[in-house]
Amino acid sequence: MTHEFTSNFAARIQGFILQKHALGHPYGMNTLLLWQFDKMCRERFPMESRLTKDICMAWAVRKASESNNSFRRRLGPLREFARYLNRAGETAFVLPLDFARKGPRYVPHIYTEAEIASIWRVADEIEQKRADSPVRHLVIPTFLRLLYCCGLRPGEARNLRLENVDLERGRLEIMESKGHKNRHVWMADDMAERCRNYNSQVERIIPKREVFFPNNKGQVYGTSYIDTTFRNIRAKAGIQQAGEHPPRLYDFRHTFATHRLYQWMREGKDISAVLPYLSVYMGHSQISDTHYYIHLVPGMVETMSGVDFSAFSDLLPEVESDE
């Protein structure tokens, strides 16, 4: 989709986005947010050409249907744009970093091995529908496995382009991840082989595509479609909501980190020595960020790690056994 900017900030927003692209950042979702900001400026501040506090505060009003995290994400691009203007010599108001604080910690669902196997089984049973979704039956099973096997954020997997996937070496290039950082993610041999088989099948149906996981138009799948598809798969797999929130796609990332820790425990690894490797793999700048994704689930930790739960109960965040 091409976004046309029409406010008094149009040329400067476009210059900012071009700079992001020059630095190797796709900036897709943030471009959409800035387009929405540009529309607000055109409608509400048609005569203003300076990024003032009034404009920023008008944008920084949380919508009734907006989660706290979505609200925080919406403020980020405007904050970066303001800094861009200041570096160019303009006077622009920068929203304070603590303007929208993080909400309470979300308690994720840590999938059991049996639940993961059920999800794979249901996903593999998706039927091919050539007319409206010619590759959906290939995309969804591989997409879900990639989330768990590589600990990717759903958006990182959705936005993969063919040029980002080195099938020969089994390596993914994650562009402009959280914090606008790029990173390389290596796949296990069986995951890499699955991706190679998947790609050869999709290539025959949609030749010369640019997106690794294409929808029926050869474009990136939308978040809502993927979420709806997963909810249907989760229901058919018989996975029930145990805690306050239903299991999410994002919980595969938490499960990846948690299961990896359990495996290292079983192998007798020095946890303090190997955690930095997991932190880098997941794209974190500090180990404390990785701790957020690791959970000691009573019952599961003994089964998968062979280690008594109490030996590690003070090391990392804990999740109740029924979650």
C-alpha atoms as a PDB file:
ATOM      1  CA  MET A   1       0.000   0.000   0.000  1.00  0.00           C
ATOM      2  CA  THR A   2       1.324   3.454  -0.938  1.00  0.00           C
ATOM      3  CA  HIS A   3       0.709   6.133   1.666  1.00  0.00           C
ATOM      4  CA  GLU A   4       0.180   9.670   0.436  1.00  0.00           C
ATOM      5  CA  PHE A   5       1.158  12.355   2.938  1.00  0.00           C
ATOM      6  CA  THR A   6      -0.650  15.673   2.549  1.00  0.00           C
ATOM      7  CA  SER A   7      -0.177  17.760   5.707  1.00  0.00           C
ATOM      8  CA  ASN A   8       2.402  20.524   6.207  1.00  0.00           C
ATOM      9  CA  PHE A   9       4.670  17.800   7.609  1.00  0.00           C
ATOM     10  CA  ALA A  10       4.394  15.615   4.491  1.00  0.00           C
ATOM     11  CA  ALA A  11       7.832  16.268   2.978  1.00  0.00           C
ATOM     12  CA  ARG A  12       9.601  15.918   6.308  1.00  0.00           C
ATOM     13  CA  ILE A  13       7.791  12.693   7.203  1.00  0.00           C
ATOM     14  CA  GLN A  14       8.721  11.255   3.814  1.00  0.00           C
ATOM     15  CA  GLY A  15      12.334  12.311   4.327  1.00  0.00           C
ATOM     16  CA  PHE A  16      12.328  10.630   7.751  1.00  0.00           C
ATOM     17  CA  ILE A  17      10.935   7.390   6.304  1.00  0.00           C
ATOM     18  CA  LEU A  18      13.484   7.456   3.463  1.00  0.00           C
ATOM     19  CA  GLN A  19      16.242   7.784   6.038  1.00  0.00           C
ATOM     20  CA  LYS A  20      14.882   4.712   7.851  1.00  0.00           C
ATOM     21  CA  HIS A  21      14.830   2.773   4.595  1.00  0.00           C
ATOM     22  CA  ALA A  22      18.393   3.864   3.816  1.00  0.00           C
ATOM     23  CA  LEU A  23      19.445   2.423   7.166  1.00  0.00           C
ATOM     24  CA  GLY A  24      17.843  -0.898   6.226  1.00  0.00           C
ATOM     25  CA  HIS A  25      14.610  -0.569   8.229  1.00  0.00           C
ATOM     26  CA  PRO A  26      11.396  -1.528   6.348  1.00  0.00           C
ATOM     27  CA  TYR A  27       9.371   0.697   8.717  1.00  0.00           C
ATOM     28  CA  GLY A  28       6.107  -0.714   7.387  1.00  0.00           C
ATOM     29  CA  MET A  29       3.723  -0.481  10.348  1.00  0.00           C
ATOM     30  CA  ASN A  30       5.317   2.736  11.560  1.00  0.00           C
ATOM     31  CA  THR A  31       4.789   4.277   8.135  1.00  0.00           C
ATOM     32  CA  LEU A  32       1.085   3.525   8.492  1.00  0.00           C
ATOM     33  CA  LEU A  33       1.051   5.166  11.937  1.00  0.00           C
ATOM     34  CA  LEU A  34       2.789   8.266  10.587  1.00  0.00           C
ATOM     35  CA  TRP A  35       0.285   8.402   7.724  1.00  0.00           C
ATOM     36  CA  GLN A  36      -2.495   8.427  10.310  1.00  0.00           C
ATOM     37  CA  PHE A  37      -0.650  11.155  12.212  1.00  0.00           C
ATOM     38  CA  ASP A  38      -0.288  13.151   8.984  1.00  0.00           C
ATOM     39  CA  LYS A  39      -4.041  12.829   8.397  1.00  0.00           C
ATOM     40  CA  MET A  40      -4.761  14.142  11.907  1.00  0.00           C
ATOM     41  CA  CYS A  41      -2.470  17.119  11.316  1.00  0.00           C
ATOM     42  CA  ARG A  42      -4.170  17.940   8.017  1.00  0.00           C
ATOM     43  CA  GLU A  43      -7.620  17.808   9.603  1.00  0.00           C
ATOM     44  CA  ARG A  44      -6.965  19.392  12.992  1.00  0.00           C
ATOM     45  CA  PHE A  45      -3.855  21.539  12.501  1.00  0.00           C
ATOM     46  CA  PRO A  46      -4.002  22.574   8.825  1.00  0.00           C
ATOM     47  CA  MET A  47      -2.034  25.816   9.345  1.00  0.00           C
ATOM     48  CA  GLU A  48       0.659  24.432  11.666  1.00  0.00           C
ATOM     49  CA  SER A  49       4.082  23.588  10.256  1.00  0.00           C
ATOM     50  CA  ARG A  50       5.984  23.156  13.527  1.00  0.00           C
ATOM     51  CA  LEU A  51       5.708  20.035  15.651  1.00  0.00           C
ATOM     52  CA  THR A  52       4.324  21.578  18.816  1.00  0.00           C
ATOM     53  CA  LYS A  53       3.358  20.140  22.167  1.00  0.00           C
ATOM     54  CA  ASP A  54      -0.327  20.688  21.312  1.00  0.00           C
ATOM     55  CA  ILE A  55      -0.042  18.513  18.196  1.00  0.00           C
ATOM     56  CA  CYS A  56       1.836  15.772  20.039  1.00  0.00           C
ATOM     57  CA  MET A  57      -0.622  15.780  22.929  1.00  0.00           C
ATOM     58  CA  ALA A  58      -3.540  15.574  20.492  1.00  0.00           C
ATOM     59  CA  TRP A  59      -1.960  12.435  19.019  1.00  0.00           C
ATOM     60  CA  ALA A  60      -1.173  11.043  22.468  1.00  0.00           C
ATOM     61  CA  VAL A  61      -4.777  10.443  23.484  1.00  0.00           C
ATOM     62  CA  ARG A  62      -5.477   6.794  24.136  1.00  0.00           C
ATOM     63  CA  LYS A  63      -8.471   5.425  22.227  1.00  0.00           C
ATOM     64  CA  ALA A  64     -11.185   3.512  24.041  1.00  0.00           C
ATOM     65  CA  SER A  65     -10.483   0.384  21.987  1.00  0.00           C
ATOM     66  CA  GLU A  66      -6.693   0.677  22.287  1.00  0.00           C
ATOM     67  CA  SER A  67      -4.633  -1.485  24.619  1.00  0.00           C
ATOM     68  CA  ASN A  68      -1.890   0.152  26.648  1.00  0.00           C
ATOM     69  CA  ASN A  69       0.818  -1.586  24.609  1.00  0.00           C
ATOM     70  CA  SER A  70      -0.768  -0.527  21.300  1.00  0.00           C
ATOM     71  CA  PHE A  71      -0.978   3.017  22.622  1.00  0.00           C
ATOM     72  CA  ARG A  72       2.709   2.987  23.546  1.00  0.00           C
ATOM     73  CA  ARG A  73       3.661   1.595  20.114  1.00  0.00           C
ATOM     74  CA  ARG A  74       1.688   4.377  18.423  1.00  0.00           C
ATOM     75  CA  LEU A  75       3.711   7.056  20.226  1.00  0.00           C
ATOM     76  CA  GLY A  76       7.094   5.635  19.242  1.00  0.00           C
ATOM     77  CA  PRO A  77       7.257   6.745  15.578  1.00  0.00           C
ATOM     78  CA  LEU A  78       6.174  10.290  16.489  1.00  0.00           C
ATOM     79  CA  ARG A  79       8.882  10.465  19.151  1.00  0.00           C
ATOM     80  CA  GLU A  80      11.492   9.348  16.609  1.00  0.00           C
ATOM     81  CA  PHE A  81      10.186  11.807  14.020  1.00  0.00           C
ATOM     82  CA  ALA A  82      10.510  14.648  16.545  1.00  0.00           C
ATOM     83  CA  ARG A  83      14.119  13.714  17.251  1.00  0.00           C
ATOM     84  CA  TYR A  84      14.754  13.600  13.497  1.00  0.00           C
ATOM     85  CA  LEU A  85      13.439  17.163  13.193  1.00  0.00           C
ATOM     86  CA  ASN A  86      15.580  18.337  16.105  1.00  0.00           C
ATOM     87  CA  ARG A  87      18.690  16.825  14.504  1.00  0.00           C
ATOM     88  CA  ALA A  88      17.808  18.751  11.324  1.00  0.00           C
ATOM     89  CA  GLY A  89      17.844  21.999  13.285  1.00  0.00           C
ATOM     90  CA  GLU A  90      14.127  22.443  13.871  1.00  0.00           C
ATOM     91  CA  THR A  91      12.473  22.906  17.249  1.00  0.00           C
ATOM     92  CA  ALA A  92      10.117  19.990  17.801  1.00  0.00           C
ATOM     93  CA  PHE A  93       8.409  18.737  20.939  1.00  0.00           C
ATOM     94  CA  VAL A  94       9.461  15.216  21.973  1.00  0.00           C
ATOM     95  CA  LEU A  95       6.985  13.159  23.971  1.00  0.00           C
ATOM     96  CA  PRO A  96       8.623  12.001  27.241  1.00  0.00           C
ATOM     97  CA  LEU A  97       9.594   8.329  27.328  1.00  0.00           C
ATOM     98  CA  ASP A  98       7.545   7.780  30.473  1.00  0.00           C
ATOM     99  CA  PHE A  99       4.429   9.428  29.019  1.00  0.00           C
ATOM    100  CA  ALA A 100       2.742   6.044  28.652  1.00  0.00           C
ATOM    101  CA  ARG A 101       4.020   3.552  31.175  1.00  0.00           C
ATOM    102  CA  LYS A 102       4.004  -0.185  30.682  1.00  0.00           C
ATOM    103  CA  GLY A 103       0.920  -1.926  31.986  1.00  0.00           C
ATOM    104  CA  PRO A 104       0.897  -4.847  34.431  1.00  0.00           C
ATOM    105  CA  ARG A 105       2.974  -7.849  33.456  1.00  0.00           C
ATOM    106  CA  TYR A 106       1.102 -10.182  31.106  1.00  0.00           C
ATOM    107  CA  VAL A 107       1.052 -13.787  32.311  1.00  0.00           C
ATOM    108  CA  PRO A 108       1.635 -15.940  29.204  1.00  0.00           C
ATOM    109  CA  HIS A 109       0.465 -19.466  28.487  1.00  0.00           C
ATOM    110  CA  ILE A 110       3.384 -21.906  28.405  1.00  0.00           C
ATOM    111  CA  TYR A 111       2.359 -24.637  25.990  1.00  0.00           C
ATOM    112  CA  THR A 112       3.017 -28.214  26.992  1.00  0.00           C
ATOM    113  CA  GLU A 113       4.651 -30.581  24.524  1.00  0.00           C
ATOM    114  CA  ALA A 114       1.291 -32.346  24.139  1.00  0.00           C
ATOM    115  CA  GLU A 115      -0.470 -29.065  23.328  1.00  0.00           C
ATOM    116  CA  ILE A 116       2.157 -28.188  20.724  1.00  0.00           C
ATOM    117  CA  ALA A 117       1.760 -31.628  19.120  1.00  0.00           C
ATOM    118  CA  SER A 118      -2.035 -31.083  18.973  1.00  0.00           C
ATOM    119  CA  ILE A 119      -1.572 -27.676  17.331  1.00  0.00           C
ATOM    120  CA  TRP A 120       0.762 -29.169  14.714  1.00  0.00           C
ATOM    121  CA  ARG A 121      -1.743 -31.963  14.013  1.00  0.00           C
ATOM    122  CA  VAL A 122      -4.667 -29.563  13.455  1.00  0.00           C
ATOM    123  CA  ALA A 123      -2.554 -27.169  11.372  1.00  0.00           C
ATOM    124  CA  ASP A 124      -1.380 -30.032   9.157  1.00  0.00           C
ATOM    125  CA  GLU A 125      -5.010 -30.951   8.455  1.00  0.00           C
ATOM    126  CA  ILE A 126      -5.820 -27.595   6.819  1.00  0.00           C
ATOM    127  CA  GLU A 127      -7.167 -28.304   3.346  1.00  0.00           C
ATOM    128  CA  GLN A 128      -5.967 -26.641   0.179  1.00  0.00           C
ATOM    129  CA  LYS A 129      -8.396 -24.188  -1.405  1.00  0.00           C
ATOM    130  CA  ARG A 130      -6.967 -23.119  -4.726  1.00  0.00           C
ATOM    131  CA  ALA A 131      -9.484 -20.379  -5.450  1.00  0.00           C
ATOM    132  CA  ASP A 132      -9.117 -18.062  -2.473  1.00  0.00           C
ATOM    133  CA  SER A 133      -6.176 -19.442  -0.461  1.00  0.00           C
ATOM    134  CA  PRO A 134      -3.916 -21.543  -2.688  1.00  0.00           C
ATOM    135  CA  VAL A 135      -1.008 -21.814  -0.216  1.00  0.00           C
ATOM    136  CA  ARG A 136      -2.693 -21.327   3.170  1.00  0.00           C
ATOM    137  CA  HIS A 137      -2.437 -25.074   3.918  1.00  0.00           C
ATOM    138  CA  LEU A 138       1.333 -24.782   3.452  1.00  0.00           C
ATOM    139  CA  VAL A 139       1.861 -21.401   5.117  1.00  0.00           C
ATOM    140  CA  ILE A 140       0.090 -21.891   8.446  1.00  0.00           C
ATOM    141  CA  PRO A 141       1.797 -25.153   9.594  1.00  0.00           C
ATOM    142  CA  THR A 142       5.260 -23.835   8.702  1.00  0.00           C
ATOM    143  CA  PHE A 143       4.584 -20.378  10.145  1.00  0.00           C
ATOM    144  CA  LEU A 144       3.476 -21.801  13.510  1.00  0.00           C
ATOM    145  CA  ARG A 145       6.441 -24.147  13.736  1.00  0.00           C
ATOM    146  CA  LEU A 146       8.830 -21.298  12.999  1.00  0.00           C
ATOM    147  CA  LEU A 147       7.385 -19.251  15.876  1.00  0.00           C
ATOM    148  CA  TYR A 148       8.041 -22.028  18.364  1.00  0.00           C
ATOM    149  CA  CYS A 149      11.255 -23.487  16.966  1.00  0.00           C
ATOM    150  CA  CYS A 150      12.993 -20.106  16.584  1.00  0.00           C
ATOM    151  CA  GLY A 151      11.216 -18.068  19.253  1.00  0.00           C
ATOM    152  CA  LEU A 152      10.186 -15.403  16.760  1.00  0.00           C
ATOM    153  CA  ARG A 153       7.689 -12.657  17.395  1.00  0.00           C
ATOM    154  CA  PRO A 154       4.622 -13.218  15.142  1.00  0.00           C
ATOM    155  CA  GLY A 155       5.312  -9.971  13.273  1.00  0.00           C
ATOM    156  CA  GLU A 156       8.905 -11.015  12.588  1.00  0.00           C
ATOM    157  CA  ALA A 157       7.722 -14.225  10.926  1.00  0.00           C
ATOM    158  CA  ARG A 158       4.843 -12.586   9.034  1.00  0.00           C
ATOM    159  CA  ASN A 159       7.116  -9.936   7.520  1.00  0.00           C
ATOM    160  CA  LEU A 160       9.849 -12.288   6.335  1.00  0.00           C
ATOM    161  CA  ARG A 161      10.729 -11.752   2.697  1.00  0.00           C
ATOM    162  CA  LEU A 162      12.425 -14.314   0.476  1.00  0.00           C
ATOM    163  CA  GLU A 163      15.606 -12.274   0.574  1.00  0.00           C
ATOM    164  CA  ASN A 164      15.604 -12.587   4.384  1.00  0.00           C
ATOM    165  CA  VAL A 165      15.579 -16.408   4.337  1.00  0.00           C
ATOM    166  CA  ASP A 166      18.844 -18.187   3.540  1.00  0.00           C
ATOM    167  CA  LEU A 167      17.533 -21.691   2.907  1.00  0.00           C
ATOM    168  CA  GLU A 168      20.944 -23.094   2.022  1.00  0.00           C
ATOM    169  CA  ARG A 169      22.535 -22.047   5.313  1.00  0.00           C
ATOM    170  CA  GLY A 170      19.366 -22.277   7.403  1.00  0.00           C
ATOM    171  CA  ARG A 171      19.510 -18.678   8.561  1.00  0.00           C
ATOM    172  CA  LEU A 172      16.856 -15.968   8.925  1.00  0.00           C
ATOM    173  CA  GLU A 173      17.575 -12.250   8.742  1.00  0.00           C
ATOM    174  CA  ILE A 174      15.127 -10.433  11.007  1.00  0.00           C
ATOM    175  CA  MET A 175      14.833  -6.842   9.812  1.00  0.00           C
ATOM    176  CA  GLU A 176      13.921  -3.937  12.090  1.00  0.00           C
ATOM    177  CA  SER A 177      12.850  -5.991  15.053  1.00  0.00           C
ATOM    178  CA  LYS A 178      11.835  -4.469  18.376  1.00  0.00           C
ATOM    179  CA  GLY A 179      13.981  -1.427  19.046  1.00  0.00           C
ATOM    180  CA  HIS A 180      14.638  -1.170  15.281  1.00  0.00           C
ATOM    181  CA  LYS A 181      17.449  -3.721  15.447  1.00  0.00           C
ATOM    182  CA  ASN A 182      18.350  -6.377  12.891  1.00  0.00           C
ATOM    183  CA  ARG A 183      19.532  -9.833  13.890  1.00  0.00           C
ATOM    184  CA  HIS A 184      20.318 -13.248  12.432  1.00  0.00           C
ATOM    185  CA  VAL A 185      18.480 -16.341  13.642  1.00  0.00           C
ATOM    186  CA  TRP A 186      19.773 -19.808  12.846  1.00  0.00           C
ATOM    187  CA  MET A 187      17.260 -22.607  12.349  1.00  0.00           C
ATOM    188  CA  ALA A 188      17.664 -26.171  13.564  1.00  0.00           C
ATOM    189  CA  ASP A 189      18.375 -28.622  10.762  1.00  0.00           C
ATOM    190  CA  ASP A 190      14.864 -30.110  10.743  1.00  0.00           C
ATOM    191  CA  MET A 191      13.241 -26.653  10.699  1.00  0.00           C
ATOM    192  CA  ALA A 192      15.506 -25.538   7.867  1.00  0.00           C
ATOM    193  CA  GLU A 193      14.649 -28.664   5.892  1.00  0.00           C
ATOM    194  CA  ARG A 194      10.943 -28.063   6.424  1.00  0.00           C
ATOM    195  CA  CYS A 195      11.339 -24.486   5.166  1.00  0.00           C
ATOM    196  CA  ARG A 196      13.138 -25.730   2.067  1.00  0.00           C
ATOM    197  CA  ASN A 197      10.360 -28.213   1.299  1.00  0.00           C
ATOM    198  CA  TYR A 198       7.730 -25.572   2.019  1.00  0.00           C
ATOM    199  CA  ASN A 199       9.398 -23.048  -0.253  1.00  0.00           C
ATOM    200  CA  SER A 200       9.666 -25.429  -3.190  1.00  0.00           C
ATOM    201  CA  GLN A 201       5.927 -26.216  -2.956  1.00  0.00           C
ATOM    202  CA  VAL A 202       4.872 -22.571  -2.650  1.00  0.00           C
ATOM    203  CA  GLU A 203       7.178 -21.580  -5.501  1.00  0.00           C
ATOM    204  CA  ARG A 204       5.303 -23.869  -7.876  1.00  0.00           C
ATOM    205  CA  ILE A 205       1.975 -22.256  -6.944  1.00  0.00           C
ATOM    206  CA  ILE A 206       3.099 -18.604  -6.604  1.00  0.00           C
ATOM    207  CA  PRO A 207       6.267 -18.147  -8.684  1.00  0.00           C
ATOM    208  CA  LYS A 208       8.400 -15.026  -8.335  1.00  0.00           C
ATOM    209  CA  ARG A 209       6.836 -14.055  -5.002  1.00  0.00           C
ATOM    210  CA  GLU A 210       8.647 -11.652  -2.666  1.00  0.00           C
ATOM    211  CA  VAL A 211       7.073 -12.631   0.658  1.00  0.00           C
ATOM    212  CA  PHE A 212       8.105 -15.870   2.378  1.00  0.00           C
ATOM    213  CA  PHE A 213       4.635 -16.441   3.887  1.00  0.00           C
ATOM    214  CA  PRO A 214       2.286 -15.000   1.216  1.00  0.00           C
ATOM    215  CA  ASN A 215      -1.472 -14.585   1.410  1.00  0.00           C
ATOM    216  CA  ASN A 216      -3.701 -15.216  -1.609  1.00  0.00           C
ATOM    217  CA  LYS A 217      -2.477 -11.938  -3.159  1.00  0.00           C
ATOM    218  CA  GLY A 218       1.171 -12.742  -2.605  1.00  0.00           C
ATOM    219  CA  GLN A 219       1.413 -10.152   0.168  1.00  0.00           C
ATOM    220  CA  VAL A 220       2.076 -10.263   3.915  1.00  0.00           C
ATOM    221  CA  TYR A 221      -0.743 -11.746   5.984  1.00  0.00           C
ATOM    222  CA  GLY A 222      -2.606  -9.303   8.203  1.00  0.00           C
ATOM    223  CA  THR A 223      -2.396  -9.694  11.976  1.00  0.00           C
ATOM    224  CA  SER A 224      -6.145 -10.185  12.446  1.00  0.00           C
ATOM    225  CA  TYR A 225      -6.341 -12.984   9.863  1.00  0.00           C
ATOM    226  CA  ILE A 226      -3.452 -14.890  11.423  1.00  0.00           C
ATOM    227  CA  ASP A 227      -4.865 -14.416  14.926  1.00  0.00           C
ATOM    228  CA  THR A 228      -8.314 -15.628  13.855  1.00  0.00           C
ATOM    229  CA  THR A 229      -6.829 -18.656  12.099  1.00  0.00           C
ATOM    230  CA  PHE A 230      -4.825 -19.549  15.201  1.00  0.00           C
ATOM    231  CA  ARG A 231      -7.858 -19.197  17.485  1.00  0.00           C
ATOM    232  CA  ASN A 232      -9.693 -21.713  15.294  1.00  0.00           C
ATOM    233  CA  ILE A 233      -6.728 -24.097  15.363  1.00  0.00           C
ATOM    234  CA  ARG A 234      -6.397 -23.716  19.129  1.00  0.00           C
ATOM    235  CA  ALA A 235     -10.074 -24.531  19.605  1.00  0.00           C
ATOM    236  CA  LYS A 236      -9.884 -27.629  17.393  1.00  0.00           C
ATOM    237  CA  ALA A 237      -6.763 -28.725  19.269  1.00  0.00           C
ATOM    238  CA  GLY A 238      -8.764 -28.604  22.506  1.00  0.00           C
ATOM    239  CA  ILE A 239      -6.521 -26.088  24.260  1.00  0.00           C
ATOM    240  CA  GLN A 240      -8.569 -24.339  26.902  1.00  0.00           C
ATOM    241  CA  GLN A 241      -8.073 -20.963  28.541  1.00  0.00           C
ATOM    242  CA  ALA A 242      -6.684 -21.592  32.023  1.00  0.00           C
ATOM    243  CA  GLY A 243      -5.626 -18.147  33.174  1.00  0.00           C
ATOM    244  CA  GLU A 244      -6.940 -14.628  32.758  1.00  0.00           C
ATOM    245  CA  HIS A 245      -6.071 -14.527  29.051  1.00  0.00           C
ATOM    246  CA  PRO A 246      -6.471 -17.107  26.252  1.00  0.00           C
ATOM    247  CA  PRO A 247      -3.282 -18.657  24.816  1.00  0.00           C
ATOM    248  CA  ARG A 248      -1.769 -16.439  22.119  1.00  0.00           C
ATOM    249  CA  LEU A 249       0.558 -16.780  19.159  1.00  0.00           C
ATOM    250  CA  TYR A 250       3.071 -14.640  21.071  1.00  0.00           C
ATOM    251  CA  ASP A 251       3.133 -17.270  23.815  1.00  0.00           C
ATOM    252  CA  PHE A 252       5.151 -19.527  21.484  1.00  0.00           C
ATOM    253  CA  ARG A 253       8.048 -17.120  22.078  1.00  0.00           C
ATOM    254  CA  HIS A 254       7.685 -17.502  25.847  1.00  0.00           C
ATOM    255  CA  THR A 255       7.388 -21.277  25.412  1.00  0.00           C
ATOM    256  CA  PHE A 256      10.488 -21.423  23.207  1.00  0.00           C
ATOM    257  CA  ALA A 257      12.616 -19.685  25.853  1.00  0.00           C
ATOM    258  CA  THR A 258      11.159 -21.719  28.703  1.00  0.00           C
ATOM    259  CA  HIS A 259      11.548 -25.090  26.982  1.00  0.00           C
ATOM    260  CA  ARG A 260      15.107 -24.213  25.948  1.00  0.00           C
ATOM    261  CA  LEU A 261      15.975 -23.544  29.597  1.00  0.00           C
ATOM    262  CA  TYR A 262      14.447 -26.872  30.628  1.00  0.00           C
ATOM    263  CA  GLN A 263      16.510 -28.698  28.013  1.00  0.00           C
ATOM    264  CA  TRP A 264      19.693 -27.035  29.236  1.00  0.00           C
ATOM    265  CA  MET A 265      18.817 -28.059  32.777  1.00  0.00           C
ATOM    266  CA  ARG A 266      18.414 -31.669  31.658  1.00  0.00           C
ATOM    267  CA  GLU A 267      21.773 -31.481  29.882  1.00  0.00           C
ATOM    268  CA  GLY A 268      23.420 -30.157  33.045  1.00  0.00           C
ATOM    269  CA  LYS A 269      24.390 -26.825  31.506  1.00  0.00           C
ATOM    270  CA  ASP A 270      25.557 -23.887  33.602  1.00  0.00           C
ATOM    271  CA  ILE A 271      22.444 -21.706  33.273  1.00  0.00           C
ATOM    272  CA  SER A 272      24.287 -18.473  34.059  1.00  0.00           C
ATOM    273  CA  ALA A 273      26.772 -19.260  31.268  1.00  0.00           C
ATOM    274  CA  VAL A 274      24.252 -20.160  28.528  1.00  0.00           C
ATOM    275  CA  LEU A 275      21.558 -17.550  29.166  1.00  0.00           C
ATOM    276  CA  PRO A 276      23.545 -14.827  27.349  1.00  0.00           C
ATOM    277  CA  TYR A 277      23.434 -16.982  24.185  1.00  0.00           C
ATOM    278  CA  LEU A 278      19.656 -17.240  24.448  1.00  0.00           C
ATOM    279  CA  SER A 279      19.442 -13.493  25.037  1.00  0.00           C
ATOM    280  CA  VAL A 280      21.385 -12.705  21.851  1.00  0.00           C
ATOM    281  CA  TYR A 281      19.424 -15.274  19.845  1.00  0.00           C
ATOM    282  CA  MET A 282      16.139 -13.673  20.869  1.00  0.00           C
ATOM    283  CA  GLY A 283      17.389 -10.181  20.050  1.00  0.00           C
ATOM    284  CA  HIS A 284      17.579  -8.827  23.590  1.00  0.00           C
ATOM    285  CA  SER A 285      20.000  -6.116  24.634  1.00  0.00           C
ATOM    286  CA  GLN A 286      20.174  -7.335  28.231  1.00  0.00           C
ATOM    287  CA  ILE A 287      19.619 -10.650  30.015  1.00  0.00           C
ATOM    288  CA  SER A 288      16.882  -9.183  32.214  1.00  0.00           C
ATOM    289  CA  ASP A 289      14.743  -8.931  29.059  1.00  0.00           C
ATOM    290  CA  THR A 290      15.221 -12.673  28.524  1.00  0.00           C
ATOM    291  CA  HIS A 291      14.200 -13.436  32.114  1.00  0.00           C
ATOM    292  CA  TYR A 292      10.767 -12.047  31.232  1.00  0.00           C
ATOM    293  CA  TYR A 293      10.276 -14.914  28.770  1.00  0.00           C
ATOM    294  CA  ILE A 294      11.380 -17.749  31.038  1.00  0.00           C
ATOM    295  CA  HIS A 295       8.923 -19.366  33.431  1.00  0.00           C
ATOM    296  CA  LEU A 296       9.309 -22.186  35.930  1.00  0.00           C
ATOM    297  CA  VAL A 297       6.016 -24.046  35.708  1.00  0.00           C
ATOM    298  CA  PRO A 298       5.544 -26.584  38.509  1.00  0.00           C
ATOM    299  CA  GLY A 299       5.017 -30.037  37.050  1.00  0.00           C
ATOM    300  CA  MET A 300       6.331 -29.106  33.620  1.00  0.00           C
ATOM    301  CA  VAL A 301       9.804 -28.159  34.808  1.00  0.00           C
ATOM    302  CA  GLU A 302      10.336 -31.493  36.595  1.00  0.00           C
ATOM    303  CA  THR A 303       9.106 -33.496  33.610  1.00  0.00           C
ATOM    304  CA  MET A 304      11.137 -31.685  30.963  1.00  0.00           C
ATOM    305  CA  SER A 305      14.292 -30.807  32.895  1.00  0.00           C
ATOM    306  CA  GLY A 306      14.619 -33.660  35.392  1.00  0.00           C
ATOM    307  CA  VAL A 307      15.394 -31.028  38.036  1.00  0.00           C
ATOM    308  CA  ASP A 308      13.483 -30.417  41.251  1.00  0.00           C
ATOM    309  CA  PHE A 309      11.442 -27.213  40.946  1.00  0.00           C
ATOM    310  CA  SER A 310      12.597 -25.859  44.309  1.00  0.00           C
ATOM    311  CA  ALA A 311      16.222 -25.825  43.161  1.00  0.00           C
ATOM    312  CA  PHE A 312      15.474 -23.002  40.714  1.00  0.00           C
ATOM    313  CA  SER A 313      12.354 -21.413  42.215  1.00  0.00           C
ATOM    314  CA  ASP A 314      14.188 -18.213  43.172  1.00  0.00           C
ATOM    315  CA  LEU A 315      16.064 -17.811  39.893  1.00  0.00           C
ATOM    316  CA  LEU A 316      13.383 -16.752  37.389  1.00  0.00           C
ATOM    317  CA  PRO A 317       9.748 -15.540  37.150  1.00  0.00           C
ATOM    318  CA  GLU A 318       7.157 -18.133  38.076  1.00  0.00           C
ATOM    319  CA  VAL A 319       3.875 -19.137  36.409  1.00  0.00           C
ATOM    320  CA  GLU A 320       1.138 -20.942  38.302  1.00  0.00           C
ATOM    321  CA  SER A 321       0.707 -24.592  37.329  1.00  0.00           C
ATOM    322  CA  ASP A 322      -2.765 -24.080  35.823  1.00  0.00           C
ATOM    323  CA  GLU A 323      -1.479 -21.431  33.411  1.00  0.00           C
END
